[in-house]
């Protein structure tokens, strides 16, 4: 460790030895956050167990300490070819997680998950389909242009058929 000496300045204040444990705490939190995958709460809990009560007044707020942990964690980014890093390509069980990847599409699943789906007759899916809104608006405009808005409101069977028309966009070819 380098030691730097400087001449005394006219700025005088009382020594603040309680700052030292706070700085050490932050450094410990930063080091653990950068080298482990522990949850933020676990890092903070174990670091705070040894923190001296006499320095509690210098302790940063818990949300500030949590942010310190998050800032130390580097975000995984894609490589020059647009591929995910190896760490994100595998599950915790070391199974391949990317079934298919090209410039337009990534399919995320494992072969084990596919076999589970294959064994079941009914699948229930959830997702965000941003394009369906625009497509359904276009279909609704056509219903209105053809003078079928009243029929849509009053005829449940007709309304169901229009909805089926909209979801046809998601049926595999």
N, C-alpha and C. Protein backbone atom coordinates (compact mmCIF):
# COMPACT_ATOMS: atom_id res chain seq x y z
N UNK A 1 0.84 -1.17 0.00
CA UNK A 1 0.00 0.00 0.00
C UNK A 1 0.89 1.24 0.00
N UNK A 2 0.61 2.17 -0.90
CA UNK A 2 1.37 3.42 -0.96
C UNK A 2 0.90 4.37 0.12
N UNK A 3 1.84 5.13 0.63
CA UNK A 3 1.50 6.13 1.64
C UNK A 3 1.81 7.50 1.06
N UNK A 4 0.85 8.39 1.12
CA UNK A 4 1.03 9.75 0.61
C UNK A 4 1.01 10.70 1.80
N UNK A 5 2.00 11.54 1.86
CA UNK A 5 2.06 12.53 2.92
C UNK A 5 1.85 13.90 2.32
N UNK A 6 1.13 14.73 3.01
CA UNK A 6 0.94 16.11 2.54
C UNK A 6 1.09 17.05 3.72
N UNK A 7 1.31 18.27 3.40
CA UNK A 7 1.44 19.28 4.43
C UNK A 7 0.07 19.57 5.03
N UNK A 8 0.02 19.89 6.31
CA UNK A 8 -1.26 20.24 6.92
C UNK A 8 -1.87 21.47 6.25
N UNK A 9 -3.18 21.47 6.17
CA UNK A 9 -3.89 22.61 5.58
C UNK A 9 -4.63 23.35 6.66
N UNK A 10 -5.22 24.46 6.29
CA UNK A 10 -5.95 25.25 7.28
C UNK A 10 -7.32 24.64 7.59
N UNK A 11 -7.72 23.61 6.84
CA UNK A 11 -9.00 22.95 7.07
C UNK A 11 -8.84 21.98 8.23
N UNK A 12 -9.39 22.30 9.36
CA UNK A 12 -9.24 21.46 10.54
C UNK A 12 -10.61 20.96 11.00
N UNK A 13 -10.67 19.68 11.37
CA UNK A 13 -11.87 19.12 11.98
C UNK A 13 -11.46 17.98 12.89
N UNK A 14 -12.35 17.57 13.70
CA UNK A 14 -12.06 16.47 14.62
C UNK A 14 -11.86 15.19 13.83
N UNK A 15 -11.02 14.31 14.33
CA UNK A 15 -10.85 13.03 13.64
C UNK A 15 -12.17 12.26 13.62
N UNK A 16 -12.35 11.46 12.58
CA UNK A 16 -13.59 10.70 12.43
C UNK A 16 -13.26 9.21 12.27
N UNK A 17 -12.84 8.58 13.33
CA UNK A 17 -12.46 7.17 13.23
C UNK A 17 -13.62 6.25 12.85
N UNK A 18 -14.86 6.69 13.06
CA UNK A 18 -16.01 5.86 12.70
C UNK A 18 -16.21 5.75 11.19
N UNK A 19 -15.54 6.61 10.43
CA UNK A 19 -15.62 6.52 8.98
C UNK A 19 -14.90 5.27 8.46
N UNK A 20 -13.87 4.85 9.16
CA UNK A 20 -13.06 3.73 8.70
C UNK A 20 -13.88 2.45 8.57
N UNK A 21 -14.66 2.04 9.58
CA UNK A 21 -15.47 0.82 9.41
C UNK A 21 -16.49 0.94 8.28
N UNK A 22 -17.04 2.13 8.06
CA UNK A 22 -18.01 2.32 6.98
C UNK A 22 -17.34 2.12 5.63
N UNK A 23 -16.13 2.64 5.48
CA UNK A 23 -15.39 2.47 4.22
C UNK A 23 -15.01 1.01 4.04
N UNK A 24 -14.56 0.37 5.12
CA UNK A 24 -14.21 -1.06 5.03
C UNK A 24 -15.43 -1.90 4.66
N UNK A 25 -16.57 -1.57 5.24
CA UNK A 25 -17.81 -2.29 4.92
C UNK A 25 -18.14 -2.17 3.44
N UNK A 26 -18.10 -0.96 2.92
CA UNK A 26 -18.40 -0.76 1.50
C UNK A 26 -17.42 -1.53 0.61
N UNK A 27 -16.15 -1.51 0.97
CA UNK A 27 -15.15 -2.24 0.18
C UNK A 27 -15.38 -3.74 0.22
N UNK A 28 -15.75 -4.26 1.39
CA UNK A 28 -16.05 -5.69 1.52
C UNK A 28 -17.27 -6.06 0.67
N UNK A 29 -18.30 -5.24 0.72
CA UNK A 29 -19.51 -5.49 -0.06
C UNK A 29 -19.20 -5.47 -1.55
N UNK A 30 -18.42 -4.50 -1.98
CA UNK A 30 -18.06 -4.40 -3.40
C UNK A 30 -17.28 -5.63 -3.85
N UNK A 31 -16.31 -6.06 -3.04
CA UNK A 31 -15.49 -7.21 -3.41
C UNK A 31 -16.33 -8.48 -3.52
N UNK A 32 -17.22 -8.70 -2.56
CA UNK A 32 -18.05 -9.91 -2.61
C UNK A 32 -19.05 -9.86 -3.75
N UNK A 33 -19.60 -8.69 -4.02
CA UNK A 33 -20.57 -8.57 -5.12
C UNK A 33 -19.91 -8.87 -6.46
N UNK A 34 -18.66 -8.46 -6.61
CA UNK A 34 -17.96 -8.66 -7.88
C UNK A 34 -17.51 -10.10 -8.08
N UNK A 35 -17.36 -10.87 -7.00
CA UNK A 35 -16.79 -12.20 -7.14
C UNK A 35 -17.76 -13.35 -6.87
N UNK A 36 -18.97 -13.05 -6.37
CA UNK A 36 -19.92 -14.13 -6.07
C UNK A 36 -21.27 -13.85 -6.72
N UNK A 37 -22.09 -14.89 -6.75
CA UNK A 37 -23.47 -14.75 -7.24
C UNK A 37 -24.46 -14.72 -6.09
N UNK A 38 -23.96 -14.48 -4.89
CA UNK A 38 -24.85 -14.42 -3.72
C UNK A 38 -25.89 -13.32 -3.90
N UNK A 39 -27.08 -13.50 -3.35
CA UNK A 39 -28.07 -12.42 -3.38
C UNK A 39 -27.56 -11.22 -2.58
N UNK A 40 -28.02 -10.04 -2.97
CA UNK A 40 -27.62 -8.81 -2.29
C UNK A 40 -27.89 -8.90 -0.79
N UNK A 41 -29.05 -9.41 -0.42
CA UNK A 41 -29.41 -9.48 1.00
C UNK A 41 -28.44 -10.35 1.78
N UNK A 42 -27.96 -11.43 1.18
CA UNK A 42 -27.02 -12.32 1.85
C UNK A 42 -25.67 -11.63 2.06
N UNK A 43 -25.21 -10.92 1.05
CA UNK A 43 -23.94 -10.19 1.15
C UNK A 43 -24.04 -9.14 2.25
N UNK A 44 -25.12 -8.38 2.24
CA UNK A 44 -25.29 -7.33 3.24
C UNK A 44 -25.40 -7.91 4.65
N UNK A 45 -26.18 -8.96 4.79
CA UNK A 45 -26.38 -9.56 6.12
C UNK A 45 -25.05 -10.02 6.71
N UNK A 46 -24.26 -10.75 5.94
CA UNK A 46 -23.01 -11.27 6.49
C UNK A 46 -21.99 -10.16 6.73
N UNK A 47 -21.99 -9.13 5.90
CA UNK A 47 -21.05 -8.02 6.11
C UNK A 47 -21.43 -7.19 7.33
N UNK A 48 -22.71 -7.02 7.55
CA UNK A 48 -23.17 -6.19 8.67
C UNK A 48 -23.04 -6.89 10.02
N UNK A 49 -22.90 -8.21 10.03
CA UNK A 49 -22.77 -8.93 11.30
C UNK A 49 -21.55 -8.49 12.09
N UNK A 50 -20.49 -8.12 11.40
CA UNK A 50 -19.25 -7.74 12.09
C UNK A 50 -19.07 -6.22 12.18
N UNK A 51 -20.05 -5.48 11.74
CA UNK A 51 -19.94 -4.01 11.76
C UNK A 51 -20.07 -3.51 13.20
N UNK A 52 -19.15 -2.65 13.65
CA UNK A 52 -19.19 -2.18 15.04
C UNK A 52 -20.38 -1.26 15.30
N UNK A 53 -21.04 -1.50 16.40
CA UNK A 53 -22.22 -0.71 16.76
C UNK A 53 -21.83 0.75 17.03
N UNK A 54 -20.59 0.97 17.44
CA UNK A 54 -20.15 2.33 17.73
C UNK A 54 -20.09 3.20 16.47
N UNK A 55 -20.01 2.56 15.31
CA UNK A 55 -19.93 3.30 14.05
C UNK A 55 -21.26 3.31 13.31
N UNK A 56 -22.34 2.95 13.99
CA UNK A 56 -23.65 2.85 13.33
C UNK A 56 -24.10 4.16 12.72
N UNK A 57 -23.68 5.27 13.28
CA UNK A 57 -24.07 6.58 12.73
C UNK A 57 -23.48 6.85 11.36
N UNK A 58 -22.41 6.17 11.00
CA UNK A 58 -21.76 6.37 9.70
C UNK A 58 -22.23 5.35 8.66
N UNK A 59 -23.10 4.46 9.07
CA UNK A 59 -23.57 3.39 8.19
C UNK A 59 -24.48 3.96 7.10
N UNK A 60 -24.19 3.65 5.83
CA UNK A 60 -25.09 4.10 4.76
C UNK A 60 -26.45 3.41 4.88
N UNK A 61 -27.47 3.99 4.26
CA UNK A 61 -28.80 3.38 4.28
C UNK A 61 -28.78 2.05 3.53
N UNK A 62 -29.70 1.17 3.90
CA UNK A 62 -29.70 -0.17 3.31
C UNK A 62 -29.94 -0.14 1.80
N UNK A 63 -30.80 0.77 1.32
CA UNK A 63 -31.01 0.82 -0.14
C UNK A 63 -29.76 1.30 -0.86
N UNK A 64 -28.95 2.15 -0.22
CA UNK A 64 -27.70 2.59 -0.83
C UNK A 64 -26.70 1.43 -0.89
N UNK A 65 -26.68 0.60 0.15
CA UNK A 65 -25.79 -0.56 0.15
C UNK A 65 -26.22 -1.58 -0.90
N UNK A 66 -27.52 -1.76 -1.06
CA UNK A 66 -28.03 -2.68 -2.09
C UNK A 66 -27.63 -2.19 -3.48
N UNK A 67 -27.74 -0.89 -3.70
CA UNK A 67 -27.31 -0.32 -4.99
C UNK A 67 -25.82 -0.52 -5.20
N UNK A 68 -25.04 -0.44 -4.14
CA UNK A 68 -23.60 -0.67 -4.24
C UNK A 68 -23.33 -2.08 -4.77
N UNK A 69 -24.07 -3.05 -4.26
CA UNK A 69 -23.92 -4.43 -4.73
C UNK A 69 -24.28 -4.52 -6.21
N UNK A 70 -25.41 -3.96 -6.59
CA UNK A 70 -25.87 -4.05 -7.98
C UNK A 70 -24.92 -3.37 -8.95
N UNK A 71 -24.32 -2.27 -8.54
CA UNK A 71 -23.39 -1.56 -9.43
C UNK A 71 -22.12 -2.37 -9.68
N UNK A 72 -21.76 -3.20 -8.73
CA UNK A 72 -20.55 -4.00 -8.88
C UNK A 72 -20.75 -5.19 -9.81
N UNK A 73 -21.97 -5.61 -9.95
CA UNK A 73 -22.27 -6.76 -10.80
C UNK A 73 -22.26 -6.32 -12.25
N UNK A 74 -21.47 -6.97 -13.04
CA UNK A 74 -21.40 -6.61 -14.44
C UNK A 74 -22.53 -7.29 -15.20
N UNK A 75 -23.15 -6.56 -16.07
CA UNK A 75 -24.23 -7.11 -16.89
C UNK A 75 -23.62 -7.95 -18.01
N UNK A 76 -24.19 -9.12 -18.21
CA UNK A 76 -23.73 -9.97 -19.30
C UNK A 76 -24.23 -9.37 -20.61
N UNK A 77 -23.37 -9.26 -21.58
CA UNK A 77 -23.76 -8.68 -22.86
C UNK A 77 -23.48 -9.66 -23.99
N UNK A 78 -24.04 -9.37 -25.13
CA UNK A 78 -23.83 -10.23 -26.30
C UNK A 78 -22.44 -9.98 -26.86
N UNK A 79 -21.91 -10.98 -27.56
CA UNK A 79 -20.59 -10.81 -28.17
C UNK A 79 -20.71 -10.09 -29.51
N UNK A 80 -19.60 -9.99 -30.23
CA UNK A 80 -19.57 -9.26 -31.50
C UNK A 80 -20.52 -9.87 -32.53
N UNK A 81 -20.79 -11.18 -32.42
CA UNK A 81 -21.69 -11.85 -33.36
C UNK A 81 -23.15 -11.81 -32.90
N UNK A 82 -23.42 -11.13 -31.79
CA UNK A 82 -24.78 -11.04 -31.28
C UNK A 82 -25.22 -12.25 -30.48
N UNK A 83 -24.27 -13.11 -30.10
CA UNK A 83 -24.59 -14.31 -29.33
C UNK A 83 -24.49 -14.02 -27.84
N UNK A 84 -25.35 -14.69 -27.07
CA UNK A 84 -25.31 -14.56 -25.62
C UNK A 84 -24.04 -15.20 -25.06
N UNK A 85 -23.53 -14.71 -23.93
CA UNK A 85 -22.34 -15.31 -23.33
C UNK A 85 -22.63 -16.73 -22.83
N UNK A 86 -21.59 -17.54 -22.73
CA UNK A 86 -21.74 -18.94 -22.32
C UNK A 86 -22.47 -19.08 -21.00
N UNK A 87 -22.23 -18.16 -20.08
CA UNK A 87 -22.86 -18.23 -18.76
C UNK A 87 -24.38 -18.21 -18.88
N UNK A 88 -24.92 -17.50 -19.88
CA UNK A 88 -26.37 -17.40 -20.05
C UNK A 88 -26.93 -18.46 -21.00
N UNK A 89 -26.06 -19.26 -21.58
CA UNK A 89 -26.50 -20.28 -22.53
C UNK A 89 -26.82 -21.61 -21.84
N UNK A 90 -26.52 -21.71 -20.55
CA UNK A 90 -26.72 -22.95 -19.80
C UNK A 90 -27.60 -22.68 -18.58
N UNK A 91 -28.30 -23.73 -18.14
CA UNK A 91 -29.08 -23.63 -16.91
C UNK A 91 -28.17 -23.93 -15.73
N UNK A 92 -28.71 -23.80 -14.53
CA UNK A 92 -27.95 -24.15 -13.34
C UNK A 92 -27.61 -25.63 -13.30
N UNK A 93 -28.38 -26.43 -14.02
CA UNK A 93 -28.11 -27.88 -14.10
C UNK A 93 -27.17 -28.21 -15.25
N UNK A 94 -26.58 -27.16 -15.85
CA UNK A 94 -25.63 -27.28 -16.95
C UNK A 94 -26.26 -27.86 -18.22
N UNK A 95 -27.57 -27.63 -18.40
CA UNK A 95 -28.25 -28.04 -19.63
C UNK A 95 -28.20 -26.88 -20.62
N UNK A 96 -28.10 -27.19 -21.91
CA UNK A 96 -28.19 -26.14 -22.93
C UNK A 96 -29.56 -25.50 -22.84
N UNK A 97 -29.60 -24.17 -22.85
CA UNK A 97 -30.86 -23.44 -22.69
C UNK A 97 -31.33 -22.80 -23.98
N UNK A 98 -30.46 -22.70 -24.97
CA UNK A 98 -30.83 -22.09 -26.25
C UNK A 98 -31.04 -23.21 -27.26
N UNK A 99 -32.30 -23.41 -27.62
CA UNK A 99 -32.64 -24.46 -28.57
C UNK A 99 -32.33 -24.02 -29.99
N UNK A 100 -32.61 -22.76 -30.29
CA UNK A 100 -32.38 -22.22 -31.63
C UNK A 100 -32.02 -20.74 -31.50
N UNK A 101 -31.07 -20.31 -32.33
CA UNK A 101 -30.68 -18.90 -32.31
C UNK A 101 -30.25 -18.49 -33.71
N UNK A 102 -30.88 -17.45 -34.22
CA UNK A 102 -30.42 -16.82 -35.45
C UNK A 102 -30.64 -15.32 -35.32
N UNK A 103 -30.46 -14.58 -36.40
CA UNK A 103 -30.55 -13.12 -36.30
C UNK A 103 -31.96 -12.60 -36.02
N UNK A 104 -32.98 -13.44 -36.21
CA UNK A 104 -34.36 -13.00 -36.02
C UNK A 104 -35.05 -13.61 -34.81
N UNK A 105 -34.51 -14.71 -34.27
CA UNK A 105 -35.27 -15.47 -33.28
C UNK A 105 -34.34 -16.20 -32.32
N UNK A 106 -34.72 -16.22 -31.06
CA UNK A 106 -34.06 -17.07 -30.07
C UNK A 106 -35.15 -17.90 -29.40
N UNK A 107 -34.96 -19.21 -29.38
CA UNK A 107 -35.89 -20.10 -28.68
C UNK A 107 -35.17 -20.60 -27.44
N UNK A 108 -35.73 -20.25 -26.28
CA UNK A 108 -35.12 -20.59 -25.00
C UNK A 108 -35.88 -21.75 -24.36
N UNK A 109 -35.23 -22.89 -24.26
CA UNK A 109 -35.79 -24.05 -23.56
C UNK A 109 -34.70 -25.11 -23.46
N UNK A 110 -34.99 -26.14 -22.72
CA UNK A 110 -34.08 -27.28 -22.65
C UNK A 110 -34.76 -28.49 -23.29
N UNK A 111 -33.97 -29.48 -23.63
CA UNK A 111 -34.56 -30.70 -24.20
C UNK A 111 -35.44 -31.39 -23.17
N UNK A 112 -35.07 -31.29 -21.92
CA UNK A 112 -35.89 -31.87 -20.85
C UNK A 112 -37.25 -31.18 -20.79
N UNK A 113 -37.28 -29.86 -20.90
CA UNK A 113 -38.56 -29.14 -20.89
C UNK A 113 -39.41 -29.52 -22.10
N UNK A 114 -38.78 -29.71 -23.25
CA UNK A 114 -39.53 -30.13 -24.44
C UNK A 114 -40.16 -31.50 -24.23
N UNK A 115 -39.43 -32.40 -23.59
CA UNK A 115 -39.99 -33.74 -23.36
C UNK A 115 -41.17 -33.67 -22.40
N UNK A 116 -41.11 -32.76 -21.44
CA UNK A 116 -42.25 -32.58 -20.52
C UNK A 116 -43.46 -32.07 -21.29
N UNK A 117 -43.26 -31.10 -22.17
CA UNK A 117 -44.37 -30.60 -22.99
C UNK A 117 -44.94 -31.70 -23.87
N UNK A 118 -44.06 -32.51 -24.43
CA UNK A 118 -44.48 -33.58 -25.33
C UNK A 118 -45.39 -34.59 -24.63
N UNK A 119 -45.17 -34.78 -23.34
CA UNK A 119 -45.95 -35.75 -22.57
C UNK A 119 -47.34 -35.24 -22.20
N UNK A 120 -47.59 -33.95 -22.36
CA UNK A 120 -48.86 -33.37 -21.93
C UNK A 120 -49.73 -33.01 -23.12
N UNK A 121 -51.02 -33.28 -22.97
CA UNK A 121 -51.98 -33.03 -24.05
C UNK A 121 -52.32 -31.55 -24.15
N UNK A 122 -52.40 -30.86 -23.02
CA UNK A 122 -52.80 -29.45 -23.01
C UNK A 122 -51.65 -28.57 -22.54
N UNK A 123 -51.43 -27.49 -23.26
CA UNK A 123 -50.41 -26.50 -22.88
C UNK A 123 -51.12 -25.18 -22.64
N UNK A 124 -50.67 -24.47 -21.65
CA UNK A 124 -51.20 -23.14 -21.36
C UNK A 124 -50.05 -22.16 -21.47
N UNK A 125 -50.21 -21.15 -22.30
CA UNK A 125 -49.12 -20.22 -22.56
C UNK A 125 -49.50 -18.81 -22.16
N UNK A 126 -48.51 -18.05 -21.87
CA UNK A 126 -48.69 -16.64 -21.55
C UNK A 126 -47.59 -15.90 -22.27
N UNK A 127 -47.89 -14.71 -22.73
CA UNK A 127 -46.86 -13.94 -23.41
C UNK A 127 -47.36 -12.57 -23.78
N UNK A 128 -46.45 -11.80 -24.28
CA UNK A 128 -46.77 -10.46 -24.74
C UNK A 128 -46.61 -10.48 -26.25
N UNK A 129 -47.70 -10.26 -26.94
CA UNK A 129 -47.67 -10.28 -28.39
C UNK A 129 -47.99 -8.88 -28.89
N UNK A 130 -46.95 -8.10 -29.10
CA UNK A 130 -47.14 -6.69 -29.42
C UNK A 130 -47.82 -6.49 -30.77
N UNK A 131 -47.56 -7.36 -31.72
CA UNK A 131 -48.12 -7.16 -33.05
C UNK A 131 -49.60 -7.50 -33.13
N UNK A 132 -50.11 -8.30 -32.22
CA UNK A 132 -51.51 -8.68 -32.28
C UNK A 132 -52.42 -7.47 -32.11
N UNK A 133 -51.99 -6.48 -31.34
CA UNK A 133 -52.79 -5.28 -31.15
C UNK A 133 -53.02 -4.59 -32.49
N UNK A 134 -51.96 -4.39 -33.25
CA UNK A 134 -52.09 -3.69 -34.54
C UNK A 134 -52.91 -4.50 -35.53
N UNK A 135 -52.69 -5.83 -35.54
CA UNK A 135 -53.44 -6.68 -36.44
C UNK A 135 -54.93 -6.66 -36.08
N UNK A 136 -55.23 -6.76 -34.78
CA UNK A 136 -56.63 -6.77 -34.37
C UNK A 136 -57.30 -5.42 -34.66
N UNK A 137 -56.55 -4.34 -34.56
CA UNK A 137 -57.09 -3.03 -34.91
C UNK A 137 -57.41 -2.97 -36.40
N UNK A 138 -56.55 -3.56 -37.22
CA UNK A 138 -56.80 -3.57 -38.67
C UNK A 138 -58.05 -4.40 -38.99
N UNK A 139 -58.19 -5.55 -38.30
CA UNK A 139 -59.39 -6.38 -38.52
C UNK A 139 -60.63 -5.61 -38.08
N UNK A 140 -60.58 -4.93 -36.94
CA UNK A 140 -61.72 -4.16 -36.44
C UNK A 140 -62.10 -3.05 -37.42
N UNK A 141 -61.10 -2.40 -38.01
CA UNK A 141 -61.40 -1.35 -39.01
C UNK A 141 -62.14 -1.95 -40.20
N UNK A 142 -61.75 -3.16 -40.61
CA UNK A 142 -62.43 -3.81 -41.72
C UNK A 142 -63.87 -4.19 -41.34
N UNK A 143 -64.06 -4.65 -40.10
CA UNK A 143 -65.42 -4.95 -39.63
C UNK A 143 -66.27 -3.69 -39.70
N UNK A 144 -65.73 -2.57 -39.27
CA UNK A 144 -66.46 -1.30 -39.30
C UNK A 144 -66.71 -0.85 -40.75
N UNK A 145 -65.69 -0.96 -41.60
CA UNK A 145 -65.83 -0.53 -43.01
C UNK A 145 -66.89 -1.34 -43.75
N UNK A 146 -67.05 -2.59 -43.37
CA UNK A 146 -68.03 -3.46 -44.03
C UNK A 146 -69.41 -3.33 -43.39
N UNK A 147 -69.56 -2.43 -42.40
CA UNK A 147 -70.86 -2.22 -41.75
C UNK A 147 -71.26 -3.35 -40.83
N UNK A 148 -70.29 -4.04 -40.24
CA UNK A 148 -70.59 -5.20 -39.40
C UNK A 148 -70.38 -4.93 -37.91
N UNK A 149 -70.19 -3.67 -37.52
CA UNK A 149 -69.93 -3.34 -36.11
C UNK A 149 -71.12 -3.72 -35.22
N UNK A 150 -72.34 -3.46 -35.69
CA UNK A 150 -73.53 -3.79 -34.91
C UNK A 150 -73.64 -5.30 -34.74
N UNK A 151 -73.40 -6.04 -35.84
CA UNK A 151 -73.46 -7.49 -35.77
C UNK A 151 -72.39 -8.01 -34.79
N UNK A 152 -71.21 -7.41 -34.79
CA UNK A 152 -70.14 -7.81 -33.88
C UNK A 152 -70.58 -7.63 -32.42
N UNK A 153 -71.22 -6.51 -32.13
CA UNK A 153 -71.66 -6.24 -30.76
C UNK A 153 -72.79 -7.18 -30.32
N UNK A 154 -73.69 -7.53 -31.25
CA UNK A 154 -74.91 -8.26 -30.87
C UNK A 154 -74.83 -9.77 -31.07
N UNK A 155 -74.03 -10.23 -32.01
CA UNK A 155 -73.99 -11.66 -32.34
C UNK A 155 -72.73 -12.30 -31.74
N UNK A 156 -72.94 -13.08 -30.69
CA UNK A 156 -71.81 -13.69 -29.98
C UNK A 156 -71.02 -14.64 -30.87
N UNK A 157 -71.70 -15.40 -31.70
CA UNK A 157 -71.04 -16.35 -32.60
C UNK A 157 -70.17 -15.61 -33.62
N UNK A 158 -70.70 -14.51 -34.19
CA UNK A 158 -69.94 -13.71 -35.15
C UNK A 158 -68.69 -13.12 -34.46
N UNK A 159 -68.88 -12.61 -33.24
CA UNK A 159 -67.77 -12.01 -32.49
C UNK A 159 -66.68 -13.06 -32.23
N UNK A 160 -67.09 -14.28 -31.87
CA UNK A 160 -66.13 -15.35 -31.64
C UNK A 160 -65.36 -15.68 -32.91
N UNK A 161 -66.05 -15.71 -34.05
CA UNK A 161 -65.38 -15.99 -35.32
C UNK A 161 -64.35 -14.92 -35.67
N UNK A 162 -64.66 -13.66 -35.38
CA UNK A 162 -63.69 -12.58 -35.63
C UNK A 162 -62.46 -12.78 -34.75
N UNK A 163 -62.68 -13.14 -33.49
CA UNK A 163 -61.56 -13.39 -32.58
C UNK A 163 -60.71 -14.56 -33.06
N UNK A 164 -61.38 -15.60 -33.57
CA UNK A 164 -60.65 -16.74 -34.12
C UNK A 164 -59.82 -16.33 -35.33
N UNK A 165 -60.37 -15.44 -36.15
CA UNK A 165 -59.64 -14.93 -37.31
C UNK A 165 -58.35 -14.23 -36.86
N UNK A 166 -58.44 -13.45 -35.80
CA UNK A 166 -57.27 -12.72 -35.31
C UNK A 166 -56.19 -13.68 -34.80
N UNK A 167 -56.57 -14.72 -34.07
CA UNK A 167 -55.56 -15.63 -33.52
C UNK A 167 -55.01 -16.60 -34.56
N UNK A 168 -55.60 -16.64 -35.75
CA UNK A 168 -55.04 -17.48 -36.81
C UNK A 168 -53.60 -17.09 -37.13
N UNK A 169 -53.24 -15.84 -36.86
CA UNK A 169 -51.88 -15.38 -37.12
C UNK A 169 -50.86 -16.17 -36.29
N UNK A 170 -51.28 -16.81 -35.20
CA UNK A 170 -50.36 -17.52 -34.33
C UNK A 170 -50.34 -19.03 -34.55
N UNK A 171 -51.14 -19.51 -35.49
CA UNK A 171 -51.16 -20.94 -35.78
C UNK A 171 -49.95 -21.26 -36.65
N UNK A 172 -49.13 -22.24 -36.26
CA UNK A 172 -47.95 -22.57 -37.07
C UNK A 172 -48.35 -23.10 -38.44
N UNK A 173 -47.53 -22.80 -39.39
CA UNK A 173 -47.79 -23.21 -40.77
C UNK A 173 -47.35 -24.63 -40.99
